[in-house]
Structure formats: structure tokens, C-alpha cells
Amino acid sequence: MRPLTFDRYLIASFLHVFAACFVAMFGLMVVVDLLENLDEFLARAENRGTVVLLWNIVRYYGFQSVFFFDRAGAALLLLSVVCVLILFQRSGEFSPLLAAGIPMYRVARGLIVAAIGVSTLLLVNQEFVVPKVAFQAYDSRGGAAVANQIEAAYDHSSHLSIDGQRLNLELKEIEEARFVIPAPGLAQEMMILEAPKARFRSENGRRPAGWILQDVTPTADAWKLTEQGRKLIVPLDNGRSAFVATAISCDQLYRRGSSFSLLSTPELLDRIHSPAFGVLSVNRLTAHVHSRLMQPLLNIAAVLMAIPLMVRRESTGLVVDATLCGLSLGTLFGIHQLCQYLGTNHVLPSDLAAWLPVIAGGGGAAWLSGWIRT
């Protein structure tokens, strides 16, 4: 078999195993979750028939598959590489190419290319797909829009605070919104703007981001704003509504400790440079950006570690090789988690904490390259 033909064969085998692993793992999660929460789907269907029930189930788990692929894709990638190496060694398909004098890394090139392709797909999913459907990460089973409890947020640049009764992430709306306007920065005396609904409007060109408060009280004729306040708080509809300019968006009002992971990298960078966010939030966002940038490199480093461990020159058996590979990749994962913990708690700088696992993985792959079968 020619090397290029073998590359295509190896890539096809990898994709087959990766798809099987994904379907098996995600299918197991769906079965367990559906058995526990079928009553919620039935309640959401409201006796509208089996078609509506099935559509709600398919819609909910269809969106959840996007988030599952984002979270578990790297682990499934490594699992698929190890499984393919085990299958090919058991069938002896590497031996003819090695006997022909082709280096093992050249033989396994298809796996490396496939790993790069899946890492690229994970990156595309993270940057373009997940941010578009981020609100579905907190949706209820059954596909209905959910009103979540709000975590009050503070704008560090204007010093106003945002609160309310409920938050609809899909519609980007606050129900029973309350905006506290501080004095003397924005108002001559502290003022609270209340509205039945407030909808977030994203930044567009010169138009700033902010919230549109509908049927606001008190109305504009009762406002006592400073010059800075008049720049940020603009009356609409003859004073019956108001626009409040702020970079605090919906995801900052609900699970702010983890919701930023659903944003795209450009959105994260905008927040890092925004004065509306505090030092702790900026440090957490910076660490996450570094971690996101290094993840594809860490995936490739882990694959390059797995290949020489699974195809060792002095192998004593596939069980021993797989065990040694699992321990090595587990150690790399432990280093990754430890560095993330140290970076989050400011023991290490965020950039160093993010890139240390890549350095460890690359160094390990280079050192293990001498173990590979020739």
C-alpha cells in the first residue's frame, strides 16, 4: 500500500472511531438525562402531541451536542488516536510499511493530520457556533425560553449597577429591571430607574452598547443628571423610555463565573480592554484567552506523546503500552489543571500558567520520540 493511500485509510479509520466515540458518549449522556428529565419534556409539550414532544427533545439535545463537542472534543480526540493505534497494531498493518524502511512518524502522519483537522474544527465550533447558541446552554428541557434569576452587576467605569427580577437570555431581556444611577457622577442625587422590561442592544459602529428601558419610571422630566449622566442616559419616546449605555451585557448578569467561556475570542478581548470590568474579571478573562489559544497546541502535543508510547520500540504488550500512555496523558492533564488553578489564584501569571502545559507536553513529546518503533 502506498503511503498516501495509507494516509487516507488511516484518516478515514480515525474519523470512523472519533464519530463512534462521540455518538456513544453523547448518546449515553442523552439516555441518562432523558430518563431523569422526561417529565419536564412532557410538561413543556402540554398535551400537544408526540410530534411536539419529539421536536422539543431533538431541539434541546441538538443544541447540547454543540456544547458537548466543545467540552469533550479534546478528550475524544486523544481517545480516538489511542484506539486507532491499538487496532492497527493488533492487525499488524504498520509492519509492512516499517519493513519497507518508512519512518514511524511518516506512517502515522495521517493521524497527526486528522488531529490537526479535529482541533481546527473544535476551534471553529468554539469561535463561531457556540457564541451564536450560547443562551441554549442554560435553556430548560423542552425548548421554551427560560427566565433566570439575575446576579446584580456593577459597571466599574460609570459606577451604575444593574438588577432585576428575571433574565431571559434568548431575548436578551430583563424583567422588572432596576438601574441604580449613582451620585454625583451621573446624577445630582442617587436615582433608581425602573422598567417592566429592559432589552440589551449590542454595539454597532459608533452606537454604544447598552440597555433600552421601556416605560421607565421616573420619566425623563424628573431626572437630575449631570453632564456625564446625560451622555450615558438618553430619553426615548418623549421620555417614556430610556437608553442606558453600558458594556454590561446579559451573560454578566447570570453565572458570570463561567458564562464568558461561551463568548468568542474577539468578544473576550473587547471585555479585557473595556473599563467597565474590574481587575478580577479582567484577570480571569485574560487567563481564559491564553488557555483557549494554547488548547489546539496542547492537543497536538498530547497526540505526539501518545504515538511513541503506543508504538514503542521495546513494547511488552498493548496493555502495558496503553497503561503507560494513559498515565502519561493523565499526568499532562494534571499539570494542565494545576496550572489553571495556580493561574486563577494568581500564584502564577496567567500567561505562564496557560502555556506551561504546552511546554511540558512539547518537551515530553520530544523526549519520547526516541522510544518510537523504527
Protein backbone atom coordinates (compact mmCIF):
# COMPACT_ATOMS: atom_id res chain seq x y z
CA MET A 1 0.00 0.00 0.00
CA ARG A 2 1.44 3.40 -0.98
CA PRO A 3 2.00 5.96 1.83
CA LEU A 4 -0.55 8.46 0.50
CA THR A 5 -3.17 5.76 0.17
CA PHE A 6 -2.35 4.59 3.68
CA ASP A 7 -2.70 8.19 4.93
CA ARG A 8 -6.24 8.37 3.59
CA TYR A 9 -7.01 4.95 5.05
CA LEU A 10 -5.63 6.00 8.45
CA ILE A 11 -7.57 9.30 8.43
CA ALA A 12 -10.79 7.50 7.46
CA SER A 13 -10.26 5.00 10.29
CA PHE A 14 -9.63 7.81 12.76
CA LEU A 15 -12.78 9.69 11.71
CA HIS A 16 -14.82 6.50 11.97
CA VAL A 17 -13.55 5.84 15.50
CA PHE A 18 -13.99 9.51 16.51
CA ALA A 19 -17.59 9.52 15.25
CA ALA A 20 -18.31 6.25 17.06
CA CYS A 21 -16.84 7.60 20.32
CA PHE A 22 -18.81 10.82 20.02
CA VAL A 23 -22.10 9.06 19.30
CA ALA A 24 -21.51 6.55 22.12
CA MET A 25 -20.56 9.14 24.75
CA PHE A 26 -23.15 11.73 23.79
CA GLY A 27 -25.82 9.06 23.33
CA LEU A 28 -25.14 7.74 26.82
CA MET A 29 -25.45 11.25 28.23
CA VAL A 30 -28.75 11.78 26.36
CA VAL A 31 -30.21 8.49 27.57
CA VAL A 32 -29.33 9.15 31.22
CA ASP A 33 -30.52 12.77 31.10
CA LEU A 34 -33.72 11.89 29.24
CA LEU A 35 -34.64 9.16 31.71
CA GLU A 36 -34.22 11.60 34.60
CA ASN A 37 -35.99 14.57 32.99
CA LEU A 38 -38.65 13.13 30.69
CA ASP A 39 -41.36 14.59 32.92
CA GLU A 40 -40.10 18.10 32.16
CA PHE A 41 -40.30 17.46 28.42
CA LEU A 42 -43.84 16.13 28.84
CA ALA A 43 -44.84 19.19 30.85
CA ARG A 44 -43.40 21.52 28.20
CA ALA A 45 -45.27 19.67 25.45
CA GLU A 46 -48.58 20.45 27.24
CA ASN A 47 -50.51 17.57 25.61
CA ARG A 48 -49.83 18.94 22.11
CA GLY A 49 -48.95 15.53 20.75
CA THR A 50 -46.00 13.25 20.16
CA VAL A 51 -44.59 15.36 17.31
CA VAL A 52 -44.18 18.41 19.57
CA LEU A 53 -42.62 16.26 22.29
CA LEU A 54 -40.11 14.72 19.87
CA TRP A 55 -39.30 18.11 18.34
CA ASN A 56 -38.56 19.56 21.80
CA ILE A 57 -36.28 16.62 22.60
CA VAL A 58 -34.41 16.82 19.29
CA ARG A 59 -34.08 20.61 19.53
CA TYR A 60 -32.76 20.56 23.09
CA TYR A 61 -30.20 17.79 22.59
CA GLY A 62 -29.23 19.16 19.18
CA PHE A 63 -28.03 22.34 20.86
CA GLN A 64 -26.47 20.38 23.71
CA SER A 65 -24.40 18.40 21.20
CA VAL A 66 -22.65 21.66 20.25
CA PHE A 67 -21.62 22.26 23.87
CA PHE A 68 -20.70 18.59 24.39
CA PHE A 69 -18.42 18.68 21.34
CA ASP A 70 -16.80 21.86 22.67
CA ARG A 71 -16.14 20.38 26.12
CA ALA A 72 -15.33 16.76 25.28
CA GLY A 73 -13.79 17.13 21.82
CA ALA A 74 -10.16 17.17 23.01
CA ALA A 75 -10.63 14.05 25.17
CA LEU A 76 -12.42 12.21 22.35
CA LEU A 77 -9.58 13.19 20.01
CA LEU A 78 -6.95 11.52 22.21
CA LEU A 79 -9.16 8.51 22.86
CA SER A 80 -9.67 8.03 19.12
CA VAL A 81 -5.92 8.25 18.42
CA VAL A 82 -5.16 5.61 21.05
CA CYS A 83 -7.94 3.31 19.78
CA VAL A 84 -6.73 3.57 16.17
CA LEU A 85 -3.15 2.77 17.19
CA ILE A 86 -4.35 -0.27 19.15
CA LEU A 87 -6.48 -1.53 16.25
CA PHE A 88 -3.73 -1.09 13.66
CA GLN A 89 -1.12 -2.77 15.84
CA ARG A 90 -3.36 -5.75 16.58
CA SER A 91 -4.00 -6.24 12.86
CA GLY A 92 -0.29 -5.74 12.02
CA GLU A 93 -0.98 -3.03 9.43
CA PHE A 94 2.04 -0.95 10.43
CA SER A 95 4.55 -3.78 9.94
CA PRO A 96 4.74 -3.82 6.08
CA LEU A 97 5.41 -0.09 5.90
CA LEU A 98 8.01 -0.21 8.65
CA ALA A 99 9.66 -3.20 6.93
CA ALA A 100 9.88 -1.09 3.76
CA GLY A 101 12.00 1.43 5.67
CA ILE A 102 9.34 4.15 6.12
CA PRO A 103 9.78 6.00 9.45
CA MET A 104 7.02 5.52 12.01
CA TYR A 105 6.24 9.23 12.20
CA ARG A 106 5.70 9.19 8.42
CA VAL A 107 3.46 6.14 8.78
CA ALA A 108 1.42 7.91 11.47
CA ARG A 109 1.29 11.21 9.59
CA GLY A 110 -2.38 10.67 8.76
CA LEU A 111 -3.22 10.58 12.48
CA ILE A 112 -1.38 13.84 13.08
CA VAL A 113 -3.17 15.49 10.14
CA ALA A 114 -6.52 14.19 11.40
CA ALA A 115 -5.77 15.51 14.90
CA ILE A 116 -4.96 18.95 13.46
CA GLY A 117 -8.21 18.85 11.46
CA VAL A 118 -10.33 17.99 14.50
CA SER A 119 -8.56 20.66 16.57
CA THR A 120 -9.37 23.18 13.83
CA LEU A 121 -13.00 22.05 13.83
CA LEU A 122 -13.10 22.47 17.62
CA LEU A 123 -11.72 25.99 17.20
CA VAL A 124 -14.35 26.87 14.58
CA ASN A 125 -17.10 25.47 16.79
CA GLN A 126 -15.83 27.48 19.76
CA GLU A 127 -15.45 30.77 17.90
CA PHE A 128 -18.46 30.78 15.57
CA VAL A 129 -21.08 28.21 16.62
CA VAL A 130 -21.07 28.28 20.44
CA PRO A 131 -21.43 32.11 20.74
CA LYS A 132 -24.45 32.03 18.41
CA VAL A 133 -26.33 29.50 20.55
CA ALA A 134 -24.86 30.40 23.95
CA PHE A 135 -28.26 31.09 25.51
CA GLN A 136 -29.22 27.46 24.90
CA ALA A 137 -26.57 26.36 27.39
CA TYR A 138 -28.95 27.46 30.18
CA ASP A 139 -32.24 26.62 28.44
CA SER A 140 -34.75 24.31 30.07
CA ARG A 141 -35.57 20.91 28.63
CA GLY A 142 -38.39 21.29 26.20
CA GLY A 143 -37.13 24.26 24.21
CA ALA A 144 -39.08 27.01 25.98
CA ALA A 145 -37.49 30.34 26.80
CA VAL A 146 -36.44 30.47 30.44
CA ALA A 147 -36.39 33.38 32.87
CA ASN A 148 -33.32 33.04 35.08
CA GLN A 149 -32.55 34.71 38.38
CA ILE A 150 -30.31 37.75 37.96
CA GLU A 151 -26.94 38.32 39.58
CA ALA A 152 -26.65 42.09 40.07
CA ALA A 153 -23.75 43.61 38.12
CA TYR A 154 -21.64 46.75 38.60
CA ASP A 155 -20.17 48.89 35.83
CA HIS A 156 -16.69 49.94 37.01
CA SER A 157 -16.43 52.79 34.50
CA SER A 158 -19.73 54.62 35.17
CA HIS A 159 -20.38 53.10 38.65
CA LEU A 160 -24.02 52.30 37.85
CA SER A 161 -25.46 48.94 38.91
CA ILE A 162 -27.98 46.70 37.15
CA ASP A 163 -30.50 44.40 38.80
CA GLY A 164 -33.93 42.93 38.16
CA GLN A 165 -36.27 40.04 38.85
CA ARG A 166 -35.61 37.70 35.91
CA LEU A 167 -33.36 37.46 32.87
CA ASN A 168 -34.37 35.99 29.51
CA LEU A 169 -31.09 35.04 27.83
CA GLU A 170 -32.67 34.16 24.49
CA LEU A 171 -34.46 37.51 24.13
CA LYS A 172 -31.70 39.44 25.99
CA GLU A 173 -34.30 40.99 28.27
CA ILE A 174 -34.55 41.85 31.96
CA GLU A 175 -37.97 41.68 33.57
CA GLU A 176 -38.68 44.22 36.33
CA ALA A 177 -35.35 45.94 35.66
CA ARG A 178 -33.74 48.31 38.19
CA PHE A 179 -30.82 50.56 37.24
CA VAL A 180 -29.18 52.44 40.11
CA ILE A 181 -27.72 55.74 38.86
CA PRO A 182 -25.02 56.97 41.28
CA ALA A 183 -24.44 60.50 42.56
CA PRO A 184 -22.58 62.71 42.00
CA GLY A 185 -21.02 61.02 38.97
CA LEU A 186 -24.12 60.59 36.79
CA ALA A 187 -26.89 62.28 38.80
CA GLN A 188 -27.14 65.13 41.26
CA GLU A 189 -28.69 62.69 43.72
CA MET A 190 -28.92 58.92 43.59
CA MET A 191 -31.69 57.79 41.25
CA ILE A 192 -33.26 54.41 40.50
CA LEU A 193 -34.69 53.82 37.03
CA GLU A 194 -37.27 51.02 36.96
CA ALA A 195 -38.90 49.43 33.92
CA PRO A 196 -41.11 46.37 33.29
CA LYS A 197 -38.66 45.31 30.58
CA ALA A 198 -35.14 46.25 29.53
CA ARG A 199 -33.60 44.88 26.33
CA PHE A 200 -29.86 44.78 25.60
CA ARG A 201 -28.64 46.38 22.38
CA SER A 202 -25.18 45.43 21.11
CA GLU A 203 -22.60 47.92 19.95
CA ASN A 204 -22.88 48.80 16.27
CA GLY A 205 -20.33 51.15 14.76
CA ARG A 206 -20.46 54.43 16.68
CA ARG A 207 -23.59 53.37 18.52
CA PRO A 208 -22.58 52.16 22.01
CA ALA A 209 -23.84 49.03 23.69
CA GLY A 210 -26.48 49.41 26.38
CA TRP A 211 -30.00 48.73 27.61
CA ILE A 212 -33.31 50.13 26.36
CA LEU A 213 -35.70 50.55 29.31
CA GLN A 214 -39.33 50.51 28.21
CA ASP A 215 -41.95 52.51 30.15
CA VAL A 216 -39.30 53.76 32.54
CA THR A 217 -40.11 55.38 35.89
CA PRO A 218 -39.47 58.08 36.81
CA THR A 219 -39.90 59.67 33.40
CA ALA A 220 -37.25 61.92 31.85
CA ASP A 221 -38.75 65.18 33.15
CA ALA A 222 -37.88 64.11 36.71
CA TRP A 223 -34.27 63.21 36.01
CA LYS A 224 -31.49 65.34 37.51
CA LEU A 225 -28.49 64.17 35.55
CA THR A 226 -25.00 65.58 35.41
CA GLU A 227 -23.28 66.32 32.11
CA GLN A 228 -21.69 62.85 32.16
CA GLY A 229 -25.04 61.31 33.01
CA ARG A 230 -26.73 62.95 30.02
CA LYS A 231 -24.11 61.32 27.76
CA LEU A 232 -24.86 57.83 29.08
CA ILE A 233 -28.59 58.05 29.79
CA VAL A 234 -30.68 59.22 26.85
CA PRO A 235 -34.50 59.64 26.92
CA LEU A 236 -36.54 57.90 24.20
CA ASP A 237 -40.20 58.12 23.16
CA ASN A 238 -40.69 61.60 24.68
CA GLY A 239 -39.16 60.49 27.96
CA ARG A 240 -41.31 57.36 28.43
CA SER A 241 -38.33 55.10 27.72
CA ALA A 242 -34.58 55.41 28.17
CA PHE A 243 -31.33 54.13 26.77
CA VAL A 244 -28.54 53.46 29.29
CA ALA A 245 -25.10 53.00 27.73
CA THR A 246 -23.02 50.28 29.40
CA ALA A 247 -20.82 47.37 28.38
CA ILE A 248 -22.51 45.08 30.95
CA SER A 249 -24.40 42.54 28.82
CA CYS A 250 -26.73 39.63 29.54
CA ASP A 251 -24.12 36.98 30.32
CA GLN A 252 -22.66 39.25 33.04
CA LEU A 253 -26.00 39.00 34.85
CA TYR A 254 -26.13 35.20 35.04
CA ARG A 255 -23.40 32.76 36.07
CA ARG A 256 -20.72 35.31 35.31
CA GLY A 257 -18.06 32.99 36.71
CA SER A 258 -18.44 30.62 33.74
CA SER A 259 -20.58 32.30 31.08
CA PHE A 260 -17.58 34.04 29.48
CA SER A 261 -16.38 30.64 28.22
CA LEU A 262 -19.26 30.77 25.70
CA LEU A 263 -18.02 34.00 24.11
CA SER A 264 -15.83 34.29 21.03
CA THR A 265 -12.21 35.42 21.38
CA PRO A 266 -12.87 38.91 19.87
CA GLU A 267 -15.65 39.42 22.42
CA LEU A 268 -13.31 38.38 25.23
CA LEU A 269 -10.62 40.79 24.01
CA ASP A 270 -13.18 43.62 23.89
CA ARG A 271 -14.07 42.93 27.52
CA ILE A 272 -10.44 42.81 28.59
CA HIS A 273 -9.94 46.30 27.16
CA SER A 274 -13.26 47.65 28.48
CA PRO A 275 -13.10 49.88 31.60
CA ALA A 276 -16.49 48.54 32.70
CA PHE A 277 -14.98 45.35 34.11
CA GLY A 278 -12.99 45.05 37.32
CA VAL A 279 -9.45 43.77 37.80
CA LEU A 280 -10.52 40.29 38.94
CA SER A 281 -12.80 39.85 35.93
CA VAL A 282 -10.09 41.03 33.54
CA ASN A 283 -7.53 38.63 35.06
CA ARG A 284 -9.97 35.74 34.72
CA LEU A 285 -10.74 36.66 31.10
CA THR A 286 -7.03 37.02 30.26
CA ALA A 287 -6.27 33.58 31.68
CA HIS A 288 -9.13 32.09 29.67
CA VAL A 289 -7.93 33.69 26.41
CA HIS A 290 -4.43 32.27 26.92
CA SER A 291 -5.90 28.87 27.75
CA ARG A 292 -8.07 28.97 24.64
CA LEU A 293 -5.13 29.88 22.38
CA MET A 294 -2.92 27.10 23.72
CA GLN A 295 -5.56 24.31 23.61
CA PRO A 296 -5.01 23.28 19.94
CA LEU A 297 -1.24 23.14 20.53
CA LEU A 298 -1.79 21.07 23.67
CA ASN A 299 -3.97 18.64 21.69
CA ILE A 300 -1.21 18.12 19.10
CA ALA A 301 1.46 17.77 21.80
CA ALA A 302 -0.65 15.10 23.53
CA VAL A 303 -1.05 13.20 20.22
CA LEU A 304 2.72 13.36 19.64
CA MET A 305 3.19 11.94 23.14
CA ALA A 306 0.67 9.15 22.57
CA ILE A 307 2.18 7.85 19.30
CA PRO A 308 5.64 6.81 20.64
CA LEU A 309 4.07 5.43 23.81
CA MET A 310 1.62 3.26 21.87
CA VAL A 311 4.16 2.18 19.22
CA ARG A 312 7.22 1.60 21.40
CA ARG A 313 10.43 0.10 20.11
CA GLU A 314 10.66 -2.35 23.03
CA SER A 315 6.99 -2.97 23.65
CA THR A 316 5.96 -5.69 26.09
CA GLY A 317 2.31 -5.68 25.02
CA LEU A 318 -0.56 -3.40 24.10
CA VAL A 319 -1.98 -3.45 27.63
CA VAL A 320 1.26 -2.14 29.11
CA ASP A 321 1.61 0.43 26.32
CA ALA A 322 -1.96 1.67 26.78
CA THR A 323 -1.49 1.88 30.56
CA LEU A 324 1.75 3.83 30.19
CA CYS A 325 0.11 6.13 27.64
CA GLY A 326 -2.86 6.71 29.92
CA LEU A 327 -0.61 7.55 32.88
CA SER A 328 1.47 9.97 30.79
CA LEU A 329 -1.55 11.77 29.32
CA GLY A 330 -3.17 11.81 32.76
CA THR A 331 -0.05 13.47 34.16
CA LEU A 332 -0.18 16.08 31.39
CA PHE A 333 -3.86 16.68 32.18
CA GLY A 334 -2.98 17.03 35.87
CA ILE A 335 -0.29 19.60 35.03
CA HIS A 336 -2.87 21.49 32.95
CA GLN A 337 -5.40 21.55 35.79
CA LEU A 338 -2.76 22.53 38.37
CA CYS A 339 -1.52 25.40 36.21
CA GLN A 340 -5.09 26.62 35.67
CA TYR A 341 -5.66 26.58 39.44
CA LEU A 342 -2.42 28.45 40.13
CA GLY A 343 -3.20 30.98 37.41
CA THR A 344 -6.76 31.56 38.64
CA ASN A 345 -5.50 32.15 42.18
CA HIS A 346 -2.71 34.48 40.96
CA VAL A 347 0.10 32.21 42.17
CA LEU A 348 1.43 32.19 38.61
CA PRO A 349 1.00 34.82 35.90
CA SER A 350 -1.97 33.93 33.69
CA ASP A 351 0.11 33.64 30.51
CA LEU A 352 2.73 31.40 32.15
CA ALA A 353 0.03 29.23 33.77
CA ALA A 354 -1.67 28.73 30.39
CA TRP A 355 1.46 27.91 28.38
CA LEU A 356 3.33 25.71 30.88
CA PRO A 357 1.28 22.60 29.90
CA VAL A 358 2.18 23.16 26.23
CA ILE A 359 5.85 23.44 27.16
CA ALA A 360 5.58 20.26 29.26
CA GLY A 361 3.71 18.43 26.51
CA GLY A 362 6.11 19.52 23.78
CA GLY A 363 9.12 18.59 25.89
CA GLY A 364 7.56 15.22 26.71
CA ALA A 365 6.82 14.53 23.04
CA ALA A 366 10.40 15.39 22.05
CA TRP A 367 11.85 13.17 24.80
CA LEU A 368 9.55 10.25 23.98
CA SER A 369 10.34 10.43 20.27
CA GLY A 370 13.34 8.21 20.93
CA TRP A 371 11.04 5.42 22.11
CA ILE A 372 9.17 5.05 18.83
CA ARG A 373 9.44 1.85 16.80
CA THR A 374 11.56 2.04 13.67
